[in-house]
N, C-alpha and C. Protein backbone atom coordinates (compact mmCIF):
# COMPACT_ATOMS: atom_id res chain seq x y z
N MET A 1 70.10 -14.92 46.59
CA MET A 1 71.11 -15.97 46.57
C MET A 1 72.30 -15.51 47.41
N VAL A 2 72.84 -16.40 48.16
CA VAL A 2 73.96 -16.10 49.06
C VAL A 2 75.26 -16.30 48.31
N ALA A 3 76.14 -15.35 48.39
CA ALA A 3 77.44 -15.48 47.74
C ALA A 3 78.28 -16.52 48.44
N ALA A 4 79.20 -17.13 47.69
CA ALA A 4 80.07 -18.17 48.27
C ALA A 4 80.88 -17.63 49.43
N SER A 5 81.15 -16.31 49.44
CA SER A 5 81.93 -15.73 50.53
C SER A 5 81.10 -15.57 51.80
N CYS A 6 79.80 -15.75 51.70
CA CYS A 6 78.91 -15.64 52.85
C CYS A 6 78.14 -16.96 52.96
N PRO A 7 78.74 -17.98 53.57
CA PRO A 7 78.17 -19.32 53.56
C PRO A 7 76.85 -19.44 54.32
N PHE A 8 76.05 -20.35 53.84
CA PHE A 8 74.76 -20.67 54.44
C PHE A 8 75.01 -21.66 55.57
N VAL A 9 74.44 -21.38 56.75
CA VAL A 9 74.65 -22.22 57.92
C VAL A 9 73.35 -22.93 58.26
N VAL A 10 73.44 -24.22 58.52
CA VAL A 10 72.29 -24.99 58.98
C VAL A 10 72.45 -25.18 60.49
N TYR A 11 71.50 -24.64 61.25
CA TYR A 11 71.49 -24.77 62.70
C TYR A 11 70.65 -25.99 63.05
N VAL A 12 71.29 -27.05 63.50
CA VAL A 12 70.62 -28.31 63.81
C VAL A 12 70.25 -28.30 65.30
N VAL A 13 68.95 -28.42 65.60
CA VAL A 13 68.46 -28.43 66.98
C VAL A 13 67.73 -29.74 67.21
N ASP A 14 68.38 -30.63 67.96
CA ASP A 14 67.78 -31.93 68.27
C ASP A 14 68.30 -32.38 69.62
N ASP A 15 67.41 -32.91 70.46
CA ASP A 15 67.81 -33.33 71.80
C ASP A 15 68.47 -34.70 71.82
N ASP A 16 68.48 -35.41 70.71
CA ASP A 16 69.11 -36.73 70.62
C ASP A 16 70.49 -36.56 69.99
N PRO A 17 71.56 -36.81 70.76
CA PRO A 17 72.92 -36.59 70.24
C PRO A 17 73.22 -37.37 68.96
N SER A 18 72.73 -38.59 68.83
CA SER A 18 73.03 -39.36 67.62
C SER A 18 72.31 -38.79 66.40
N VAL A 19 71.09 -38.31 66.57
CA VAL A 19 70.37 -37.68 65.46
C VAL A 19 71.03 -36.36 65.11
N ARG A 20 71.40 -35.60 66.12
CA ARG A 20 72.07 -34.32 65.90
C ARG A 20 73.36 -34.52 65.10
N GLU A 21 74.13 -35.54 65.46
CA GLU A 21 75.38 -35.84 64.75
C GLU A 21 75.10 -36.31 63.32
N GLY A 22 74.10 -37.18 63.15
CA GLY A 22 73.76 -37.67 61.82
C GLY A 22 73.32 -36.55 60.89
N LEU A 23 72.46 -35.66 61.39
CA LEU A 23 72.02 -34.52 60.58
C LEU A 23 73.18 -33.58 60.27
N SER A 24 74.05 -33.39 61.25
CA SER A 24 75.22 -32.53 61.04
C SER A 24 76.12 -33.11 59.95
N LEU A 25 76.35 -34.42 59.98
CA LEU A 25 77.17 -35.07 58.96
C LEU A 25 76.54 -34.93 57.57
N LEU A 26 75.23 -35.12 57.49
CA LEU A 26 74.54 -34.96 56.20
C LEU A 26 74.70 -33.54 55.67
N MET A 27 74.52 -32.56 56.54
CA MET A 27 74.63 -31.16 56.11
C MET A 27 76.05 -30.85 55.63
N ARG A 28 77.04 -31.31 56.38
CA ARG A 28 78.44 -31.08 55.98
C ARG A 28 78.74 -31.76 54.65
N SER A 29 78.23 -32.98 54.46
CA SER A 29 78.50 -33.70 53.21
C SER A 29 77.84 -33.00 52.02
N ALA A 30 76.78 -32.23 52.29
CA ALA A 30 76.12 -31.46 51.24
C ALA A 30 76.79 -30.10 51.04
N GLY A 31 77.80 -29.79 51.85
CA GLY A 31 78.55 -28.55 51.69
C GLY A 31 78.13 -27.41 52.57
N TYR A 32 77.23 -27.65 53.51
CA TYR A 32 76.78 -26.58 54.40
C TYR A 32 77.65 -26.51 55.64
N ARG A 33 77.74 -25.32 56.21
CA ARG A 33 78.32 -25.18 57.54
C ARG A 33 77.23 -25.56 58.53
N VAL A 34 77.63 -26.07 59.68
CA VAL A 34 76.66 -26.55 60.66
C VAL A 34 77.01 -26.01 62.04
N ARG A 35 75.97 -25.63 62.77
CA ARG A 35 76.07 -25.36 64.20
C ARG A 35 74.97 -26.19 64.84
N ALA A 36 75.31 -26.98 65.82
CA ALA A 36 74.35 -27.88 66.43
C ALA A 36 74.15 -27.57 67.91
N CYS A 37 72.92 -27.77 68.37
CA CYS A 37 72.61 -27.60 69.79
C CYS A 37 71.46 -28.52 70.16
N ASP A 38 71.23 -28.68 71.46
CA ASP A 38 70.25 -29.67 71.89
C ASP A 38 68.88 -29.11 72.25
N SER A 39 68.69 -27.79 72.13
CA SER A 39 67.38 -27.23 72.46
C SER A 39 67.19 -25.88 71.77
N GLY A 40 65.91 -25.49 71.70
CA GLY A 40 65.60 -24.16 71.17
C GLY A 40 66.19 -23.07 72.03
N GLU A 41 66.20 -23.30 73.34
CA GLU A 41 66.77 -22.30 74.26
C GLU A 41 68.28 -22.15 74.02
N GLU A 42 68.97 -23.27 73.79
CA GLU A 42 70.41 -23.19 73.52
C GLU A 42 70.65 -22.43 72.22
N LEU A 43 69.81 -22.66 71.21
CA LEU A 43 69.94 -21.94 69.95
C LEU A 43 69.79 -20.44 70.19
N LEU A 44 68.78 -20.06 70.97
CA LEU A 44 68.56 -18.64 71.24
C LEU A 44 69.71 -18.01 72.01
N ALA A 45 70.38 -18.80 72.84
CA ALA A 45 71.50 -18.29 73.63
C ALA A 45 72.82 -18.30 72.86
N MET A 46 72.84 -18.99 71.72
CA MET A 46 74.06 -19.15 70.95
C MET A 46 74.52 -17.80 70.41
N GLY A 47 75.75 -17.48 70.65
CA GLY A 47 76.31 -16.24 70.12
C GLY A 47 76.86 -16.45 68.73
N GLY A 48 77.01 -15.39 67.99
CA GLY A 48 77.65 -15.46 66.69
C GLY A 48 76.81 -16.05 65.58
N ALA A 49 75.51 -16.18 65.79
CA ALA A 49 74.65 -16.74 64.76
C ALA A 49 74.16 -15.64 63.84
N THR A 50 75.08 -15.06 63.08
CA THR A 50 74.72 -13.94 62.23
C THR A 50 74.76 -14.25 60.74
N LEU A 51 75.27 -15.42 60.36
CA LEU A 51 75.33 -15.78 58.95
C LEU A 51 73.96 -16.22 58.47
N PRO A 52 73.69 -16.05 57.16
CA PRO A 52 72.42 -16.54 56.64
C PRO A 52 72.33 -18.05 56.82
N GLY A 53 71.13 -18.53 57.04
CA GLY A 53 70.96 -19.96 57.24
C GLY A 53 69.53 -20.33 57.52
N CYS A 54 69.36 -21.53 58.06
CA CYS A 54 68.04 -22.01 58.46
C CYS A 54 68.21 -22.89 59.68
N VAL A 55 67.08 -23.19 60.31
CA VAL A 55 67.07 -24.02 61.51
C VAL A 55 66.36 -25.33 61.19
N LEU A 56 67.05 -26.45 61.46
CA LEU A 56 66.41 -27.77 61.45
C LEU A 56 66.03 -28.04 62.89
N LEU A 57 64.76 -28.06 63.17
CA LEU A 57 64.27 -28.10 64.54
C LEU A 57 63.48 -29.36 64.83
N ASP A 58 64.02 -30.21 65.69
CA ASP A 58 63.25 -31.35 66.19
C ASP A 58 62.23 -30.76 67.16
N LEU A 59 60.97 -31.02 66.91
CA LEU A 59 59.92 -30.41 67.73
C LEU A 59 59.99 -30.81 69.19
N SER A 60 60.60 -31.94 69.51
CA SER A 60 60.72 -32.33 70.91
C SER A 60 61.83 -31.56 71.62
N ALA A 61 62.64 -30.82 70.87
CA ALA A 61 63.77 -30.09 71.46
C ALA A 61 63.43 -28.64 71.78
N VAL A 62 62.19 -28.26 71.61
CA VAL A 62 61.81 -26.87 71.90
C VAL A 62 60.65 -26.88 72.88
N ARG A 63 60.76 -26.04 73.88
CA ARG A 63 59.68 -25.91 74.85
C ARG A 63 58.57 -25.05 74.27
N ARG A 64 57.37 -25.36 74.68
CA ARG A 64 56.26 -24.50 74.25
C ARG A 64 56.45 -23.13 74.87
N SER A 65 56.15 -22.11 74.10
CA SER A 65 56.39 -20.75 74.55
C SER A 65 55.24 -19.85 74.12
N ASP A 66 55.15 -18.70 74.75
CA ASP A 66 54.14 -17.73 74.33
C ASP A 66 54.45 -17.22 72.93
N ARG A 67 55.72 -17.13 72.61
CA ARG A 67 56.15 -16.60 71.31
C ARG A 67 56.78 -17.70 70.48
N PRO A 68 56.38 -17.84 69.20
CA PRO A 68 56.98 -18.86 68.34
C PRO A 68 58.49 -18.66 68.22
N LEU A 69 59.20 -19.77 68.00
CA LEU A 69 60.65 -19.73 67.91
C LEU A 69 61.12 -18.77 66.82
N ASP A 70 60.46 -18.78 65.65
CA ASP A 70 60.90 -17.89 64.58
C ASP A 70 60.82 -16.43 65.00
N LYS A 71 59.80 -16.05 65.75
CA LYS A 71 59.68 -14.66 66.23
C LYS A 71 60.74 -14.36 67.27
N ARG A 72 61.03 -15.31 68.14
CA ARG A 72 62.06 -15.09 69.16
C ARG A 72 63.43 -14.96 68.50
N LEU A 73 63.65 -15.71 67.43
CA LEU A 73 64.91 -15.56 66.68
C LEU A 73 65.01 -14.16 66.06
N ARG A 74 63.92 -13.70 65.44
CA ARG A 74 63.92 -12.37 64.82
C ARG A 74 64.15 -11.28 65.86
N GLU A 75 63.61 -11.46 67.07
CA GLU A 75 63.84 -10.48 68.14
C GLU A 75 65.32 -10.36 68.46
N LYS A 76 66.07 -11.43 68.23
CA LYS A 76 67.52 -11.42 68.45
C LYS A 76 68.27 -10.99 67.18
N GLY A 77 67.53 -10.58 66.15
CA GLY A 77 68.15 -10.13 64.91
C GLY A 77 68.49 -11.26 63.95
N LEU A 78 67.91 -12.43 64.17
CA LEU A 78 68.17 -13.60 63.33
C LEU A 78 66.92 -13.95 62.54
N ASP A 79 66.94 -13.69 61.25
CA ASP A 79 65.81 -14.00 60.40
C ASP A 79 66.07 -15.34 59.72
N LEU A 80 65.88 -16.42 60.48
CA LEU A 80 66.19 -17.76 60.01
C LEU A 80 64.91 -18.57 59.81
N PRO A 81 64.68 -19.08 58.60
CA PRO A 81 63.52 -19.94 58.42
C PRO A 81 63.70 -21.24 59.20
N VAL A 82 62.57 -21.82 59.61
CA VAL A 82 62.58 -23.03 60.42
C VAL A 82 61.99 -24.20 59.62
N ILE A 83 62.71 -25.32 59.62
CA ILE A 83 62.22 -26.58 59.07
C ILE A 83 62.05 -27.51 60.26
N ALA A 84 60.80 -27.90 60.52
CA ALA A 84 60.51 -28.75 61.68
C ALA A 84 60.63 -30.22 61.31
N LEU A 85 61.19 -30.99 62.23
CA LEU A 85 61.30 -32.44 62.10
C LEU A 85 60.57 -33.05 63.29
N SER A 86 59.82 -34.14 63.03
CA SER A 86 59.05 -34.70 64.13
C SER A 86 58.78 -36.18 63.97
N ALA A 87 58.77 -36.87 65.11
CA ALA A 87 58.33 -38.26 65.17
C ALA A 87 56.98 -38.33 65.87
N LEU A 88 56.38 -37.17 66.13
CA LEU A 88 55.08 -37.09 66.80
C LEU A 88 53.96 -37.47 65.85
N GLY A 89 52.78 -37.69 66.41
CA GLY A 89 51.60 -37.91 65.58
C GLY A 89 51.33 -36.70 64.71
N GLU A 90 50.65 -36.91 63.61
CA GLU A 90 50.47 -35.86 62.59
C GLU A 90 49.82 -34.59 63.14
N ARG A 91 48.72 -34.71 63.85
CA ARG A 91 48.01 -33.51 64.33
C ARG A 91 48.85 -32.72 65.33
N GLU A 92 49.43 -33.44 66.30
CA GLU A 92 50.26 -32.75 67.29
C GLU A 92 51.47 -32.11 66.63
N ALA A 93 52.08 -32.80 65.68
CA ALA A 93 53.25 -32.24 64.97
C ALA A 93 52.86 -31.00 64.18
N ASP A 94 51.71 -31.04 63.50
CA ASP A 94 51.25 -29.87 62.74
C ASP A 94 51.08 -28.67 63.66
N ASP A 95 50.43 -28.88 64.80
CA ASP A 95 50.19 -27.78 65.75
C ASP A 95 51.51 -27.21 66.27
N ARG A 96 52.43 -28.08 66.65
CA ARG A 96 53.70 -27.62 67.20
C ARG A 96 54.58 -26.96 66.13
N ALA A 97 54.53 -27.47 64.90
CA ALA A 97 55.30 -26.85 63.81
C ALA A 97 54.78 -25.44 63.53
N ARG A 98 53.46 -25.29 63.52
CA ARG A 98 52.89 -23.95 63.33
C ARG A 98 53.31 -23.03 64.47
N ALA A 99 53.27 -23.53 65.70
CA ALA A 99 53.65 -22.73 66.86
C ALA A 99 55.12 -22.31 66.79
N ALA A 100 55.97 -23.11 66.16
CA ALA A 100 57.39 -22.77 66.03
C ALA A 100 57.63 -21.86 64.84
N GLY A 101 56.61 -21.64 64.00
CA GLY A 101 56.77 -20.79 62.83
C GLY A 101 57.48 -21.50 61.68
N ALA A 102 57.33 -22.82 61.61
CA ALA A 102 58.05 -23.61 60.60
C ALA A 102 57.49 -23.41 59.20
N SER A 103 58.41 -23.37 58.23
CA SER A 103 58.04 -23.31 56.82
C SER A 103 57.71 -24.69 56.29
N PHE A 104 58.34 -25.72 56.86
CA PHE A 104 58.15 -27.11 56.46
C PHE A 104 58.03 -27.97 57.71
N LEU A 105 57.33 -29.09 57.55
CA LEU A 105 57.29 -30.13 58.58
C LEU A 105 57.61 -31.44 57.89
N LEU A 106 58.68 -32.09 58.31
CA LEU A 106 59.09 -33.38 57.77
C LEU A 106 59.05 -34.41 58.88
N SER A 107 58.55 -35.61 58.57
CA SER A 107 58.46 -36.68 59.55
C SER A 107 59.76 -37.43 59.67
N LYS A 108 60.06 -37.85 60.90
CA LYS A 108 61.22 -38.69 61.15
C LYS A 108 60.82 -40.14 60.99
N PRO A 109 61.64 -41.00 60.46
CA PRO A 109 62.96 -40.67 59.93
C PRO A 109 62.80 -39.88 58.64
N VAL A 110 63.61 -38.85 58.50
CA VAL A 110 63.49 -37.92 57.38
C VAL A 110 64.26 -38.43 56.17
N ASP A 111 63.67 -38.25 55.01
CA ASP A 111 64.32 -38.59 53.75
C ASP A 111 65.38 -37.52 53.45
N ASP A 112 66.63 -37.95 53.23
CA ASP A 112 67.73 -37.01 53.02
C ASP A 112 67.44 -36.05 51.88
N ARG A 113 66.97 -36.55 50.75
CA ARG A 113 66.71 -35.71 49.57
C ARG A 113 65.62 -34.69 49.88
N ALA A 114 64.54 -35.11 50.54
CA ALA A 114 63.46 -34.18 50.88
C ALA A 114 63.98 -33.08 51.80
N LEU A 115 64.83 -33.45 52.75
CA LEU A 115 65.39 -32.46 53.67
C LEU A 115 66.27 -31.47 52.94
N LEU A 116 67.14 -31.95 52.09
CA LEU A 116 68.03 -31.05 51.33
C LEU A 116 67.22 -30.17 50.38
N ASP A 117 66.16 -30.71 49.78
CA ASP A 117 65.30 -29.89 48.93
C ASP A 117 64.61 -28.79 49.73
N ALA A 118 64.15 -29.12 50.94
CA ALA A 118 63.50 -28.12 51.80
C ALA A 118 64.49 -27.01 52.16
N ILE A 119 65.72 -27.37 52.44
CA ILE A 119 66.74 -26.37 52.77
C ILE A 119 66.98 -25.45 51.57
N ARG A 120 67.09 -26.04 50.38
CA ARG A 120 67.28 -25.21 49.18
C ARG A 120 66.09 -24.28 48.98
N TRP A 121 64.88 -24.76 49.26
CA TRP A 121 63.70 -23.94 49.07
C TRP A 121 63.69 -22.76 50.04
N VAL A 122 63.93 -23.01 51.33
CA VAL A 122 63.89 -21.90 52.30
C VAL A 122 65.05 -20.94 52.11
N SER A 123 66.12 -21.41 51.46
CA SER A 123 67.26 -20.52 51.23
C SER A 123 67.12 -19.75 49.92
N GLY A 124 65.98 -19.90 49.27
CA GLY A 124 65.77 -19.18 48.01
C GLY A 124 66.56 -19.78 46.87
N GLY A 125 66.85 -21.07 46.95
CA GLY A 125 67.58 -21.74 45.88
C GLY A 125 69.07 -21.72 46.07
N THR A 126 69.54 -21.21 47.19
CA THR A 126 70.96 -21.17 47.46
C THR A 126 71.53 -22.58 47.47
N GLN A 127 72.53 -22.80 46.70
CA GLN A 127 73.23 -24.08 46.73
C GLN A 127 74.34 -23.99 47.76
N ALA A 128 74.64 -25.08 48.38
CA ALA A 128 75.74 -25.09 49.33
C ALA A 128 77.02 -24.81 48.58
N ALA A 129 77.83 -23.98 49.15
CA ALA A 129 79.14 -23.69 48.54
C ALA A 129 80.08 -24.85 48.78
N PRO A 130 80.89 -25.19 47.80
CA PRO A 130 81.85 -26.27 48.04
C PRO A 130 82.75 -25.92 49.23
N ARG A 131 83.02 -26.92 50.05
CA ARG A 131 83.87 -26.70 51.21
C ARG A 131 85.31 -26.67 50.76
N SER A 132 86.06 -25.78 51.32
CA SER A 132 87.48 -25.72 50.99
C SER A 132 88.22 -26.77 51.81
N PRO A 133 89.29 -27.33 51.21
CA PRO A 133 90.02 -28.40 51.93
C PRO A 133 90.68 -27.92 53.20
């Protein structure tokens, strides 16, 4: 469990600015800190991503790679679980989610409650800390 002094960060990766903003707003309203970017490559290049957290990854925002995204994150010292989001067909989404190392695959449009439950699960039950005013 993450202490309130060490907040859980949700890294939102989506190539659609309106979806990225909507997911960011949902995460903030649930009490999470958010860092958003438009691609897996931008996430990997992002500095300062050292707080515990997870990645919400739109599968269309990551390029296919020899190494799954979760492994590339760990190579950078970031052990962040991945929750994949997709509007792709089921088989293609399953294959790409596995290739990204995702713990969960949720279909778009995503149910808010299911998404928040998945985040709590990958965080080991960590509840979002209340945001200070």
